Amino acid sequence: MNVTISRVANGMIEAVLEAGTDAPDLMTLNLGDTVIGPVELGQPSLDGTYPLTAAIPAHVISDGITLLTIKGAGAPDPLAHVTIVAGQPMDSDLHSEVALLRAELDLLKAAFRRKFRT
């Protein structure tokens, strides 16, 4: 199964699920491990895709970066994610995220060099 996010507009996530005949009965919108709402599964089209819609609750939108995920029932891994960036503190959040990514990349480079040192 593959979910492609089409757009986010008017507080709604619109997406397309490519599942053929394997569409899950229940899909949820999650914030971390917390279910924050259902994902509505529309009628399948002739090519085996399903339209999806999910309302974004107002209480999950705040300053900073919010990551929402779409999961199938009982599935441990998300099928898709939507990142919402809002508010003034965004710049410092992005700078700290980039700094964290750089530090992790440096760790990976060092481990890679140790592993493949000749």
PDB file of N, CA and C in Angstrom:
ATOM      1  N   MET A   1       0.837  -1.179   0.000  1.00  0.00           N
ATOM      2  CA  MET A   1       0.000   0.000   0.000  1.00  0.00           C
ATOM      3  C   MET A   1       0.879   1.238   0.000  1.00  0.00           C
ATOM      4  N   ASN A   2       0.412   2.236  -0.706  1.00  0.00           N
ATOM      5  CA  ASN A   2       1.147   3.481  -0.797  1.00  0.00           C
ATOM      6  C   ASN A   2       0.153   4.634  -0.703  1.00  0.00           C
ATOM      7  N   VAL A   3       0.451   5.622   0.127  1.00  0.00           N
ATOM      8  CA  VAL A   3      -0.391   6.812   0.258  1.00  0.00           C
ATOM      9  C   VAL A   3       0.390   8.011  -0.250  1.00  0.00           C
ATOM     10  N   THR A   4      -0.237   8.767  -1.142  1.00  0.00           N
ATOM     11  CA  THR A   4       0.358   9.994  -1.669  1.00  0.00           C
ATOM     12  C   THR A   4      -0.503  11.168  -1.215  1.00  0.00           C
ATOM     13  N   ILE A   5       0.110  12.102  -0.511  1.00  0.00           N
ATOM     14  CA  ILE A   5      -0.613  13.288  -0.061  1.00  0.00           C
ATOM     15  C   ILE A   5      -0.834  14.197  -1.259  1.00  0.00           C
ATOM     16  N   SER A   6      -2.097  14.537  -1.524  1.00  0.00           N
ATOM     17  CA  SER A   6      -2.425  15.417  -2.644  1.00  0.00           C
ATOM     18  C   SER A   6      -2.292  16.878  -2.253  1.00  0.00           C
ATOM     19  N   ARG A   7      -2.925  17.229  -1.121  1.00  0.00           N
ATOM     20  CA  ARG A   7      -2.852  18.609  -0.654  1.00  0.00           C
ATOM     21  C   ARG A   7      -3.389  18.704   0.759  1.00  0.00           C
ATOM     22  N   VAL A   8      -3.091  19.827   1.397  1.00  0.00           N
ATOM     23  CA  VAL A   8      -3.662  20.179   2.695  1.00  0.00           C
ATOM     24  C   VAL A   8      -4.336  21.518   2.502  1.00  0.00           C
ATOM     25  N   ALA A   9      -5.657  21.553   2.727  1.00  0.00           N
ATOM     26  CA  ALA A   9      -6.407  22.795   2.524  1.00  0.00           C
ATOM     27  C   ALA A   9      -7.613  22.819   3.443  1.00  0.00           C
ATOM     28  N   ASN A  10      -7.911  24.003   3.977  1.00  0.00           N
ATOM     29  CA  ASN A  10      -9.086  24.205   4.824  1.00  0.00           C
ATOM     30  C   ASN A  10      -9.148  23.218   5.979  1.00  0.00           C
ATOM     31  N   GLY A  11      -7.994  22.912   6.557  1.00  0.00           N
ATOM     32  CA  GLY A  11      -7.951  22.018   7.706  1.00  0.00           C
ATOM     33  C   GLY A  11      -8.159  20.556   7.370  1.00  0.00           C
ATOM     34  N   MET A  12      -8.054  20.198   6.092  1.00  0.00           N
ATOM     35  CA  MET A  12      -8.249  18.819   5.655  1.00  0.00           C
ATOM     36  C   MET A  12      -7.018  18.314   4.913  1.00  0.00           C
ATOM     37  N   ILE A  13      -6.664  17.071   5.175  1.00  0.00           N
ATOM     38  CA  ILE A  13      -5.622  16.396   4.406  1.00  0.00           C
ATOM     39  C   ILE A  13      -6.327  15.598   3.326  1.00  0.00           C
ATOM     40  N   GLU A  14      -5.908  15.777   2.091  1.00  0.00           N
ATOM     41  CA  GLU A  14      -6.458  15.000   0.983  1.00  0.00           C
ATOM     42  C   GLU A  14      -5.330  14.157   0.417  1.00  0.00           C
ATOM     43  N   ALA A  15      -5.605  12.870   0.216  1.00  0.00           N
ATOM     44  CA  ALA A  15      -4.573  11.950  -0.243  1.00  0.00           C
ATOM     45  C   ALA A  15      -5.195  10.870  -1.116  1.00  0.00           C
ATOM     46  N   VAL A  16      -4.325  10.053  -1.706  1.00  0.00           N
ATOM     47  CA  VAL A  16      -4.753   8.934  -2.540  1.00  0.00           C
ATOM     48  C   VAL A  16      -4.046   7.680  -2.040  1.00  0.00           C
ATOM     49  N   LEU A  17      -4.824   6.627  -1.807  1.00  0.00           N
ATOM     50  CA  LEU A  17      -4.291   5.342  -1.379  1.00  0.00           C
ATOM     51  C   LEU A  17      -4.247   4.402  -2.572  1.00  0.00           C
ATOM     52  N   GLU A  18      -3.058   3.877  -2.867  1.00  0.00           N
ATOM     53  CA  GLU A  18      -2.906   2.870  -3.919  1.00  0.00           C
ATOM     54  C   GLU A  18      -2.817   1.526  -3.216  1.00  0.00           C
ATOM     55  N   ALA A  19      -3.915   0.754  -3.262  1.00  0.00           N
ATOM     56  CA  ALA A  19      -3.942  -0.490  -2.502  1.00  0.00           C
ATOM     57  C   ALA A  19      -4.512  -1.661  -3.281  1.00  0.00           C
ATOM     58  N   GLY A  20      -5.067  -1.419  -4.449  1.00  0.00           N
ATOM     59  CA  GLY A  20      -5.724  -2.506  -5.173  1.00  0.00           C
ATOM     60  C   GLY A  20      -6.912  -2.999  -4.373  1.00  0.00           C
ATOM     61  N   THR A  21      -6.915  -4.278  -4.044  1.00  0.00           N
ATOM     62  CA  THR A  21      -8.022  -4.845  -3.259  1.00  0.00           C
ATOM     63  C   THR A  21      -7.658  -4.965  -1.792  1.00  0.00           C
ATOM     64  N   ASP A  22      -6.478  -4.491  -1.391  1.00  0.00           N
ATOM     65  CA  ASP A  22      -5.998  -4.651  -0.023  1.00  0.00           C
ATOM     66  C   ASP A  22      -6.248  -3.438   0.864  1.00  0.00           C
ATOM     67  N   ALA A  23      -7.251  -2.649   0.582  1.00  0.00           N
ATOM     68  CA  ALA A  23      -7.491  -1.438   1.364  1.00  0.00           C
ATOM     69  C   ALA A  23      -7.878  -1.798   2.797  1.00  0.00           C
ATOM     70  N   PRO A  24      -7.266  -1.141   3.791  1.00  0.00           N
ATOM     71  CA  PRO A  24      -7.606  -1.431   5.181  1.00  0.00           C
ATOM     72  C   PRO A  24      -9.003  -0.917   5.517  1.00  0.00           C
ATOM     73  N   ASP A  25      -9.637  -1.570   6.469  1.00  0.00           N
ATOM     74  CA  ASP A  25     -10.970  -1.152   6.895  1.00  0.00           C
ATOM     75  C   ASP A  25     -10.922   0.146   7.688  1.00  0.00           C
ATOM     76  N   LEU A  26      -9.844   0.338   8.437  1.00  0.00           N
ATOM     77  CA  LEU A  26      -9.751   1.486   9.328  1.00  0.00           C
ATOM     78  C   LEU A  26      -8.380   2.121   9.188  1.00  0.00           C
ATOM     79  N   MET A  27      -8.364   3.425   9.013  1.00  0.00           N
ATOM     80  CA  MET A  27      -7.113   4.169   8.990  1.00  0.00           C
ATOM     81  C   MET A  27      -7.271   5.330   9.957  1.00  0.00           C
ATOM     82  N   THR A  28      -6.150   5.727  10.580  1.00  0.00           N
ATOM     83  CA  THR A  28      -6.211   6.797  11.573  1.00  0.00           C
ATOM     84  C   THR A  28      -5.178   7.872  11.291  1.00  0.00           C
ATOM     85  N   LEU A  29      -5.491   9.076  11.775  1.00  0.00           N
ATOM     86  CA  LEU A  29      -4.557  10.194  11.763  1.00  0.00           C
ATOM     87  C   LEU A  29      -3.958  10.252  13.155  1.00  0.00           C
ATOM     88  N   ASN A  30      -2.627  10.281  13.235  1.00  0.00           N
ATOM     89  CA  ASN A  30      -1.943  10.192  14.520  1.00  0.00           C
ATOM     90  C   ASN A  30      -0.992  11.351  14.733  1.00  0.00           C
ATOM     91  N   LEU A  31      -0.841  11.725  15.995  1.00  0.00           N
ATOM     92  CA  LEU A  31       0.182  12.667  16.441  1.00  0.00           C
ATOM     93  C   LEU A  31       1.047  11.871  17.401  1.00  0.00           C
ATOM     94  N   GLY A  32       2.220  11.469  16.939  1.00  0.00           N
ATOM     95  CA  GLY A  32       3.032  10.534  17.728  1.00  0.00           C
ATOM     96  C   GLY A  32       2.315   9.187  17.775  1.00  0.00           C
ATOM     97  N   ASP A  33       2.142   8.658  18.975  1.00  0.00           N
ATOM     98  CA  ASP A  33       1.427   7.391  19.138  1.00  0.00           C
ATOM     99  C   ASP A  33      -0.051   7.588  19.462  1.00  0.00           C
ATOM    100  N   THR A  34      -0.504   8.838  19.482  1.00  0.00           N
ATOM    101  CA  THR A  34      -1.882   9.145  19.852  1.00  0.00           C
ATOM    102  C   THR A  34      -2.754   9.303  18.613  1.00  0.00           C
ATOM    103  N   VAL A  35      -3.863   8.568  18.583  1.00  0.00           N
ATOM    104  CA  VAL A  35      -4.830   8.710  17.498  1.00  0.00           C
ATOM    105  C   VAL A  35      -5.605   9.996  17.730  1.00  0.00           C
ATOM    106  N   ILE A  36      -5.613  10.873  16.716  1.00  0.00           N
ATOM    107  CA  ILE A  36      -6.323  12.149  16.870  1.00  0.00           C
ATOM    108  C   ILE A  36      -7.550  12.238  15.977  1.00  0.00           C
ATOM    109  N   GLY A  37      -7.775  11.230  15.143  1.00  0.00           N
ATOM    110  CA  GLY A  37      -8.973  11.250  14.311  1.00  0.00           C
ATOM    111  C   GLY A  37      -8.959  10.154  13.258  1.00  0.00           C
ATOM    112  N   PRO A  38     -10.118   9.929  12.680  1.00  0.00           N
ATOM    113  CA  PRO A  38     -10.216   8.911  11.632  1.00  0.00           C
ATOM    114  C   PRO A  38      -9.794   9.459  10.277  1.00  0.00           C
ATOM    115  N   VAL A  39      -9.436   8.567   9.386  1.00  0.00           N
ATOM    116  CA  VAL A  39      -9.185   8.902   7.994  1.00  0.00           C
ATOM    117  C   VAL A  39     -10.334   8.294   7.200  1.00  0.00           C
ATOM    118  N   GLU A  40     -11.037   9.136   6.464  1.00  0.00           N
ATOM    119  CA  GLU A  40     -12.185   8.671   5.680  1.00  0.00           C
ATOM    120  C   GLU A  40     -11.695   8.074   4.372  1.00  0.00           C
ATOM    121  N   LEU A  41     -12.124   6.864   4.090  1.00  0.00           N
ATOM    122  CA  LEU A  41     -11.746   6.146   2.872  1.00  0.00           C
ATOM    123  C   LEU A  41     -12.916   6.210   1.906  1.00  0.00           C
ATOM    124  N   GLY A  42     -12.685   6.815   0.719  1.00  0.00           N
ATOM    125  CA  GLY A  42     -13.745   6.953  -0.276  1.00  0.00           C
ATOM    126  C   GLY A  42     -13.910   5.697  -1.111  1.00  0.00           C
ATOM    127  N   GLN A  43     -14.777   5.768  -2.068  1.00  0.00           N
ATOM    128  CA  GLN A  43     -15.030   4.648  -2.973  1.00  0.00           C
ATOM    129  C   GLN A  43     -13.849   4.475  -3.928  1.00  0.00           C
ATOM    130  N   PRO A  44     -13.481   3.220  -4.230  1.00  0.00           N
ATOM    131  CA  PRO A  44     -12.334   2.999  -5.117  1.00  0.00           C
ATOM    132  C   PRO A  44     -12.636   3.426  -6.545  1.00  0.00           C
ATOM    133  N   SER A  45     -11.591   3.890  -7.209  1.00  0.00           N
ATOM    134  CA  SER A  45     -11.727   4.223  -8.625  1.00  0.00           C
ATOM    135  C   SER A  45     -11.388   2.981  -9.438  1.00  0.00           C
ATOM    136  N   LEU A  46     -11.529   3.064 -10.734  1.00  0.00           N
ATOM    137  CA  LEU A  46     -11.288   1.916 -11.604  1.00  0.00           C
ATOM    138  C   LEU A  46      -9.842   1.440 -11.575  1.00  0.00           C
ATOM    139  N   ASP A  47      -8.905   2.347 -11.274  1.00  0.00           N
ATOM    140  CA  ASP A  47      -7.491   1.953 -11.254  1.00  0.00           C
ATOM    141  C   ASP A  47      -7.043   1.410  -9.899  1.00  0.00           C
ATOM    142  N   GLY A  48      -7.970   1.194  -8.968  1.00  0.00           N
ATOM    143  CA  GLY A  48      -7.630   0.602  -7.675  1.00  0.00           C
ATOM    144  C   GLY A  48      -7.132   1.577  -6.639  1.00  0.00           C
ATOM    145  N   THR A  49      -7.332   2.864  -6.869  1.00  0.00           N
ATOM    146  CA  THR A  49      -6.937   3.866  -5.878  1.00  0.00           C
ATOM    147  C   THR A  49      -8.167   4.330  -5.104  1.00  0.00           C
ATOM    148  N   TYR A  50      -7.925   4.763  -3.881  1.00  0.00           N
ATOM    149  CA  TYR A  50      -8.992   5.238  -3.006  1.00  0.00           C
ATOM    150  C   TYR A  50      -8.687   6.663  -2.583  1.00  0.00           C
ATOM    151  N   PRO A  51      -9.661   7.572  -2.655  1.00  0.00           N
ATOM    152  CA  PRO A  51      -9.432   8.915  -2.103  1.00  0.00           C
ATOM    153  C   PRO A  51      -9.515   8.868  -0.577  1.00  0.00           C
ATOM    154  N   LEU A  52      -8.635   9.600   0.077  1.00  0.00           N
ATOM    155  CA  LEU A  52      -8.620   9.689   1.537  1.00  0.00           C
ATOM    156  C   LEU A  52      -8.793  11.136   1.957  1.00  0.00           C
ATOM    157  N   THR A  53      -9.497  11.350   3.046  1.00  0.00           N
ATOM    158  CA  THR A  53      -9.578  12.674   3.650  1.00  0.00           C
ATOM    159  C   THR A  53      -9.486  12.528   5.163  1.00  0.00           C
ATOM    160  N   ALA A  54      -8.860  13.500   5.802  1.00  0.00           N
ATOM    161  CA  ALA A  54      -8.755  13.522   7.256  1.00  0.00           C
ATOM    162  C   ALA A  54      -8.780  14.961   7.723  1.00  0.00           C
ATOM    163  N   ALA A  55      -9.579  15.224   8.735  1.00  0.00           N
ATOM    164  CA  ALA A  55      -9.637  16.566   9.321  1.00  0.00           C
ATOM    165  C   ALA A  55      -8.485  16.740  10.300  1.00  0.00           C
ATOM    166  N   ILE A  56      -7.828  17.896  10.224  1.00  0.00           N
ATOM    167  CA  ILE A  56      -6.753  18.212  11.163  1.00  0.00           C
ATOM    168  C   ILE A  56      -7.373  18.963  12.333  1.00  0.00           C
ATOM    169  N   PRO A  57      -7.373  18.377  13.530  1.00  0.00           N
ATOM    170  CA  PRO A  57      -7.946  19.079  14.681  1.00  0.00           C
ATOM    171  C   PRO A  57      -7.148  20.344  15.002  1.00  0.00           C
ATOM    172  N   ALA A  58      -7.850  21.395  15.364  1.00  0.00           N
ATOM    173  CA  ALA A  58      -7.201  22.682  15.648  1.00  0.00           C
ATOM    174  C   ALA A  58      -6.218  22.590  16.807  1.00  0.00           C
ATOM    175  N   HIS A  59      -6.491  21.711  17.783  1.00  0.00           N
ATOM    176  CA  HIS A  59      -5.625  21.657  18.970  1.00  0.00           C
ATOM    177  C   HIS A  59      -4.229  21.106  18.684  1.00  0.00           C
ATOM    178  N   VAL A  60      -3.997  20.486  17.530  1.00  0.00           N
ATOM    179  CA  VAL A  60      -2.662  19.957  17.238  1.00  0.00           C
ATOM    180  C   VAL A  60      -1.773  20.984  16.544  1.00  0.00           C
ATOM    181  N   ILE A  61      -2.348  22.098  16.111  1.00  0.00           N
ATOM    182  CA  ILE A  61      -1.566  23.123  15.432  1.00  0.00           C
ATOM    183  C   ILE A  61      -1.100  24.143  16.456  1.00  0.00           C
ATOM    184  N   SER A  62       0.224  24.273  16.568  1.00  0.00           N
ATOM    185  CA  SER A  62       0.796  25.237  17.505  1.00  0.00           C
ATOM    186  C   SER A  62       2.135  25.698  16.942  1.00  0.00           C
ATOM    187  N   ASP A  63       2.799  26.606  17.657  1.00  0.00           N
ATOM    188  CA  ASP A  63       4.100  27.091  17.209  1.00  0.00           C
ATOM    189  C   ASP A  63       5.075  25.934  17.086  1.00  0.00           C
ATOM    190  N   GLY A  64       5.849  25.957  16.024  1.00  0.00           N
ATOM    191  CA  GLY A  64       6.862  24.932  15.839  1.00  0.00           C
ATOM    192  C   GLY A  64       6.483  23.953  14.748  1.00  0.00           C
ATOM    193  N   ILE A  65       7.040  22.747  14.842  1.00  0.00           N
ATOM    194  CA  ILE A  65       6.849  21.724  13.825  1.00  0.00           C
ATOM    195  C   ILE A  65       6.005  20.599  14.403  1.00  0.00           C
ATOM    196  N   THR A  66       4.953  20.230  13.679  1.00  0.00           N
ATOM    197  CA  THR A  66       4.074  19.137  14.081  1.00  0.00           C
ATOM    198  C   THR A  66       4.080  18.091  12.985  1.00  0.00           C
ATOM    199  N   LEU A  67       4.300  16.838  13.354  1.00  0.00           N
ATOM    200  CA  LEU A  67       4.319  15.742  12.394  1.00  0.00           C
ATOM    201  C   LEU A  67       3.105  14.850  12.627  1.00  0.00           C
ATOM    202  N   LEU A  68       2.230  14.785  11.632  1.00  0.00           N
ATOM    203  CA  LEU A  68       1.053  13.922  11.676  1.00  0.00           C
ATOM    204  C   LEU A  68       1.310  12.714  10.783  1.00  0.00           C
ATOM    205  N   THR A  69       0.845  11.550  11.193  1.00  0.00           N
ATOM    206  CA  THR A  69       1.017  10.347  10.387  1.00  0.00           C
ATOM    207  C   THR A  69      -0.327   9.704  10.096  1.00  0.00           C
ATOM    208  N   ILE A  70      -0.383   8.999   8.974  1.00  0.00           N
ATOM    209  CA  ILE A  70      -1.562   8.215   8.604  1.00  0.00           C
ATOM    210  C   ILE A  70      -1.154   6.752   8.709  1.00  0.00           C
ATOM    211  N   LYS A  71      -1.916   5.987   9.509  1.00  0.00           N
ATOM    212  CA  LYS A  71      -1.613   4.578   9.718  1.00  0.00           C
ATOM    213  C   LYS A  71      -2.833   3.726   9.416  1.00  0.00           C
ATOM    214  N   GLY A  72      -2.579   2.517   8.951  1.00  0.00           N
ATOM    215  CA  GLY A  72      -3.626   1.526   8.802  1.00  0.00           C
ATOM    216  C   GLY A  72      -3.856   0.849  10.141  1.00  0.00           C
ATOM    217  N   ALA A  73      -5.027   0.252  10.333  1.00  0.00           N
ATOM    218  CA  ALA A  73      -5.360  -0.400  11.595  1.00  0.00           C
ATOM    219  C   ALA A  73      -4.358  -1.498  11.910  1.00  0.00           C
ATOM    220  N   GLY A  74      -3.763  -1.424  13.089  1.00  0.00           N
ATOM    221  CA  GLY A  74      -2.822  -2.440  13.532  1.00  0.00           C
ATOM    222  C   GLY A  74      -1.457  -2.387  12.881  1.00  0.00           C
ATOM    223  N   ALA A  75      -1.238  -1.438  11.989  1.00  0.00           N
ATOM    224  CA  ALA A  75       0.056  -1.329  11.306  1.00  0.00           C
ATOM    225  C   ALA A  75       1.029  -0.540  12.179  1.00  0.00           C
ATOM    226  N   PRO A  76       2.229  -1.063  12.382  1.00  0.00           N
ATOM    227  CA  PRO A  76       3.192  -0.334  13.213  1.00  0.00           C
ATOM    228  C   PRO A  76       3.814   0.863  12.496  1.00  0.00           C
ATOM    229  N   ASP A  77       3.948   0.767  11.173  1.00  0.00           N
ATOM    230  CA  ASP A  77       4.603   1.827  10.414  1.00  0.00           C
ATOM    231  C   ASP A  77       3.577   2.716   9.725  1.00  0.00           C
ATOM    232  N   PRO A  78       3.843   4.016   9.682  1.00  0.00           N
ATOM    233  CA  PRO A  78       2.917   4.911   8.996  1.00  0.00           C
ATOM    234  C   PRO A  78       2.959   4.721   7.485  1.00  0.00           C
ATOM    235  N   LEU A  79       1.831   5.000   6.846  1.00  0.00           N
ATOM    236  CA  LEU A  79       1.744   4.943   5.394  1.00  0.00           C
ATOM    237  C   LEU A  79       2.145   6.276   4.770  1.00  0.00           C
ATOM    238  N   ALA A  80       1.952   7.365   5.520  1.00  0.00           N
ATOM    239  CA  ALA A  80       2.295   8.701   5.026  1.00  0.00           C
ATOM    240  C   ALA A  80       2.426   9.646   6.214  1.00  0.00           C
ATOM    241  N   HIS A  81       3.026  10.790   5.964  1.00  0.00           N
ATOM    242  CA  HIS A  81       3.119  11.807   7.005  1.00  0.00           C
ATOM    243  C   HIS A  81       2.909  13.197   6.411  1.00  0.00           C
ATOM    244  N   VAL A  82       2.446  14.083   7.269  1.00  0.00           N
ATOM    245  CA  VAL A  82       2.251  15.487   6.903  1.00  0.00           C
ATOM    246  C   VAL A  82       2.953  16.316   7.971  1.00  0.00           C
ATOM    247  N   THR A  83       3.798  17.231   7.538  1.00  0.00           N
ATOM    248  CA  THR A  83       4.497  18.108   8.462  1.00  0.00           C
ATOM    249  C   THR A  83       3.856  19.487   8.404  1.00  0.00           C
ATOM    250  N   ILE A  84       3.506  20.005   9.578  1.00  0.00           N
ATOM    251  CA  ILE A  84       2.907  21.338   9.666  1.00  0.00           C
ATOM    252  C   ILE A  84       3.888  22.229  10.415  1.00  0.00           C
ATOM    253  N   VAL A  85       4.270  23.331   9.793  1.00  0.00           N
ATOM    254  CA  VAL A  85       5.189  24.297  10.400  1.00  0.00           C
ATOM    255  C   VAL A  85       4.416  25.585  10.604  1.00  0.00           C
ATOM    256  N   ALA A  86       4.400  26.080  11.856  1.00  0.00           N
ATOM    257  CA  ALA A  86       3.594  27.268  12.147  1.00  0.00           C
ATOM    258  C   ALA A  86       4.273  28.135  13.203  1.00  0.00           C
ATOM    259  N   GLY A  87       3.950  29.411  13.191  1.00  0.00           N
ATOM    260  CA  GLY A  87       4.353  30.319  14.251  1.00  0.00           C
ATOM    261  C   GLY A  87       5.720  30.948  14.095  1.00  0.00           C
ATOM    262  N   GLN A  88       6.017  31.884  14.981  1.00  0.00           N
ATOM    263  CA  GLN A  88       7.277  32.616  14.977  1.00  0.00           C
ATOM    264  C   GLN A  88       8.489  31.773  15.349  1.00  0.00           C
ATOM    265  N   PRO A  89       8.407  30.876  16.335  1.00  0.00           N
ATOM    266  CA  PRO A  89       9.606  30.141  16.749  1.00  0.00           C
ATOM    267  C   PRO A  89      10.117  29.143  15.717  1.00  0.00           C
ATOM    268  N   MET A  90       9.516  29.141  14.536  1.00  0.00           N
ATOM    269  CA  MET A  90       9.889  28.188  13.513  1.00  0.00           C
ATOM    270  C   MET A  90      11.379  28.255  13.191  1.00  0.00           C
ATOM    271  N   ASP A  91      11.949  29.448  13.095  1.00  0.00           N
ATOM    272  CA  ASP A  91      13.354  29.574  12.717  1.00  0.00           C
ATOM    273  C   ASP A  91      14.268  28.833  13.677  1.00  0.00           C
ATOM    274  N   SER A  92      14.071  29.004  14.976  1.00  0.00           N
ATOM    275  CA  SER A  92      14.945  28.325  15.933  1.00  0.00           C
ATOM    276  C   SER A  92      14.725  26.821  15.892  1.00  0.00           C
ATOM    277  N   ASP A  93      13.489  26.358  15.670  1.00  0.00           N
ATOM    278  CA  ASP A  93      13.219  24.923  15.545  1.00  0.00           C
ATOM    279  C   ASP A  93      13.953  24.350  14.351  1.00  0.00           C
ATOM    280  N   LEU A  94      13.896  25.054  13.225  1.00  0.00           N
ATOM    281  CA  LEU A  94      14.564  24.561  12.027  1.00  0.00           C
ATOM    282  C   LEU A  94      16.076  24.555  12.205  1.00  0.00           C
ATOM    283  N   HIS A  95      16.616  25.582  12.858  1.00  0.00           N
ATOM    284  CA  HIS A  95      18.057  25.625  13.086  1.00  0.00           C
ATOM    285  C   HIS A  95      18.489  24.468  13.988  1.00  0.00           C
ATOM    286  N   SER A  96      17.704  24.180  15.016  1.00  0.00           N
ATOM    287  CA  SER A  96      18.070  23.080  15.905  1.00  0.00           C
ATOM    288  C   SER A  96      17.916  21.738  15.202  1.00  0.00           C
ATOM    289  N   GLU A  97      16.921  21.597  14.345  1.00  0.00           N
ATOM    290  CA  GLU A  97      16.762  20.356  13.581  1.00  0.00           C
ATOM    291  C   GLU A  97      17.927  20.142  12.622  1.00  0.00           C
ATOM    292  N   VAL A  98      18.353  21.205  11.944  1.00  0.00           N
ATOM    293  CA  VAL A  98      19.494  21.101  11.030  1.00  0.00           C
ATOM    294  C   VAL A  98      20.764  20.769  11.814  1.00  0.00           C
ATOM    295  N   ALA A  99      20.943  21.379  12.964  1.00  0.00           N
ATOM    296  CA  ALA A  99      22.116  21.087  13.781  1.00  0.00           C
ATOM    297  C   ALA A  99      22.110  19.625  14.232  1.00  0.00           C
ATOM    298  N   LEU A 100      20.946  19.122  14.609  1.00  0.00           N
ATOM    299  CA  LEU A 100      20.828  17.716  15.008  1.00  0.00           C
ATOM    300  C   LEU A 100      21.138  16.794  13.836  1.00  0.00           C
ATOM    301  N   LEU A 101      20.620  17.119  12.667  1.00  0.00           N
ATOM    302  CA  LEU A 101      20.906  16.307  11.483  1.00  0.00           C
ATOM    303  C   LEU A 101      22.390  16.313  11.144  1.00  0.00           C
ATOM    304  N   ARG A 102      23.029  17.469  11.276  1.00  0.00           N
ATOM    305  CA  ARG A 102      24.473  17.545  11.006  1.00  0.00           C
ATOM    306  C   ARG A 102      25.251  16.677  11.996  1.00  0.00           C
ATOM    307  N   ALA A 103      24.858  16.720  13.263  1.00  0.00           N
ATOM    308  CA  ALA A 103      25.543  15.912  14.269  1.00  0.00           C
ATOM    309  C   ALA A 103      25.358  14.425  13.986  1.00  0.00           C
ATOM    310  N   GLU A 104      24.155  14.034  13.612  1.00  0.00           N
ATOM    311  CA  GLU A 104      23.913  12.628  13.284  1.00  0.00           C
ATOM    312  C   GLU A 104      24.695  12.211  12.047  1.00  0.00           C
ATOM    313  N   LEU A 105      24.783  13.083  11.060  1.00  0.00           N
ATOM    314  CA  LEU A 105      25.556  12.786   9.856  1.00  0.00           C
ATOM    315  C   LEU A 105      27.038  12.628  10.192  1.00  0.00           C
ATOM    316  N   ASP A 106      27.560  13.486  11.071  1.00  0.00           N
ATOM    317  CA  ASP A 106      28.958  13.362  11.493  1.00  0.00           C
ATOM    318  C   ASP A 106      29.199  12.026  12.190  1.00  0.00           C
ATOM    319  N   LEU A 107      28.243  11.608  13.027  1.00  0.00           N
ATOM    320  CA  LEU A 107      28.358  10.306  13.682  1.00  0.00           C
ATOM    321  C   LEU A 107      28.386   9.171  12.665  1.00  0.00           C
ATOM    322  N   LEU A 108      27.504   9.235  11.696  1.00  0.00           N
ATOM    323  CA  LEU A 108      27.452   8.203  10.662  1.00  0.00           C
ATOM    324  C   LEU A 108      28.727   8.183   9.830  1.00  0.00           C
ATOM    325  N   LYS A 109      29.243   9.362   9.493  1.00  0.00           N
ATOM    326  CA  LYS A 109      30.485   9.419   8.717  1.00  0.00           C
ATOM    327  C   LYS A 109      31.632   8.805   9.496  1.00  0.00           C
ATOM    328  N   ALA A 110      31.720   9.106  10.784  1.00  0.00           N
ATOM    329  CA  ALA A 110      32.797   8.553  11.609  1.00  0.00           C
ATOM    330  C   ALA A 110      32.667   7.034  11.711  1.00  0.00           C
ATOM    331  N   ALA A 111      31.463   6.538  11.916  1.00  0.00           N
ATOM    332  CA  ALA A 111      31.259   5.086  11.996  1.00  0.00           C
ATOM    333  C   ALA A 111      31.583   4.421  10.669  1.00  0.00           C
ATOM    334  N   PHE A 112      31.188   5.042   9.586  1.00  0.00           N
ATOM    335  CA  PHE A 112      31.472   4.501   8.255  1.00  0.00           C
ATOM    336  C   PHE A 112      32.976   4.443   8.012  1.00  0.00           C
ATOM    337  N   ARG A 113      33.678   5.505   8.367  1.00  0.00           N
ATOM    338  CA  ARG A 113      35.132   5.547   8.169  1.00  0.00           C
ATOM    339  C   ARG A 113      35.837   4.485   9.025  1.00  0.00           C
ATOM    340  N   ARG A 114      35.368   4.307  10.284  1.00  0.00           N
ATOM    341  CA  ARG A 114      35.956   3.266  11.142  1.00  0.00           C
ATOM    342  C   ARG A 114      35.722   1.875  10.553  1.00  0.00           C
ATOM    343  N   LYS A 115      34.550   1.649  10.051  1.00  0.00           N
ATOM    344  CA  LYS A 115      34.180   0.336   9.520  1.00  0.00           C
ATOM    345  C   LYS A 115      34.995  -0.019   8.271  1.00  0.00           C
ATOM    346  N   PHE A 116      35.218   0.942   7.400  1.00  0.00           N
ATOM    347  CA  PHE A 116      35.852   0.670   6.126  1.00  0.00           C
ATOM    348  C   PHE A 116      37.277   1.232   6.034  1.00  0.00           C
ATOM    349  N   ARG A 117      37.914   1.436   7.170  1.00  0.00           N
ATOM    350  CA  ARG A 117      39.287   1.923   7.186  1.00  0.00           C
ATOM    351  C   ARG A 117      40.198   0.843   6.600  1.00  0.00           C
ATOM    352  N   THR A 118      41.123   1.242   5.742  1.00  0.00           N
ATOM    353  CA  THR A 118      42.029   0.251   5.122  1.00  0.00           C
ATOM    354  C   THR A 118      43.354   0.171   5.800  1.00  0.00           C
TER     355      THR A 118
END
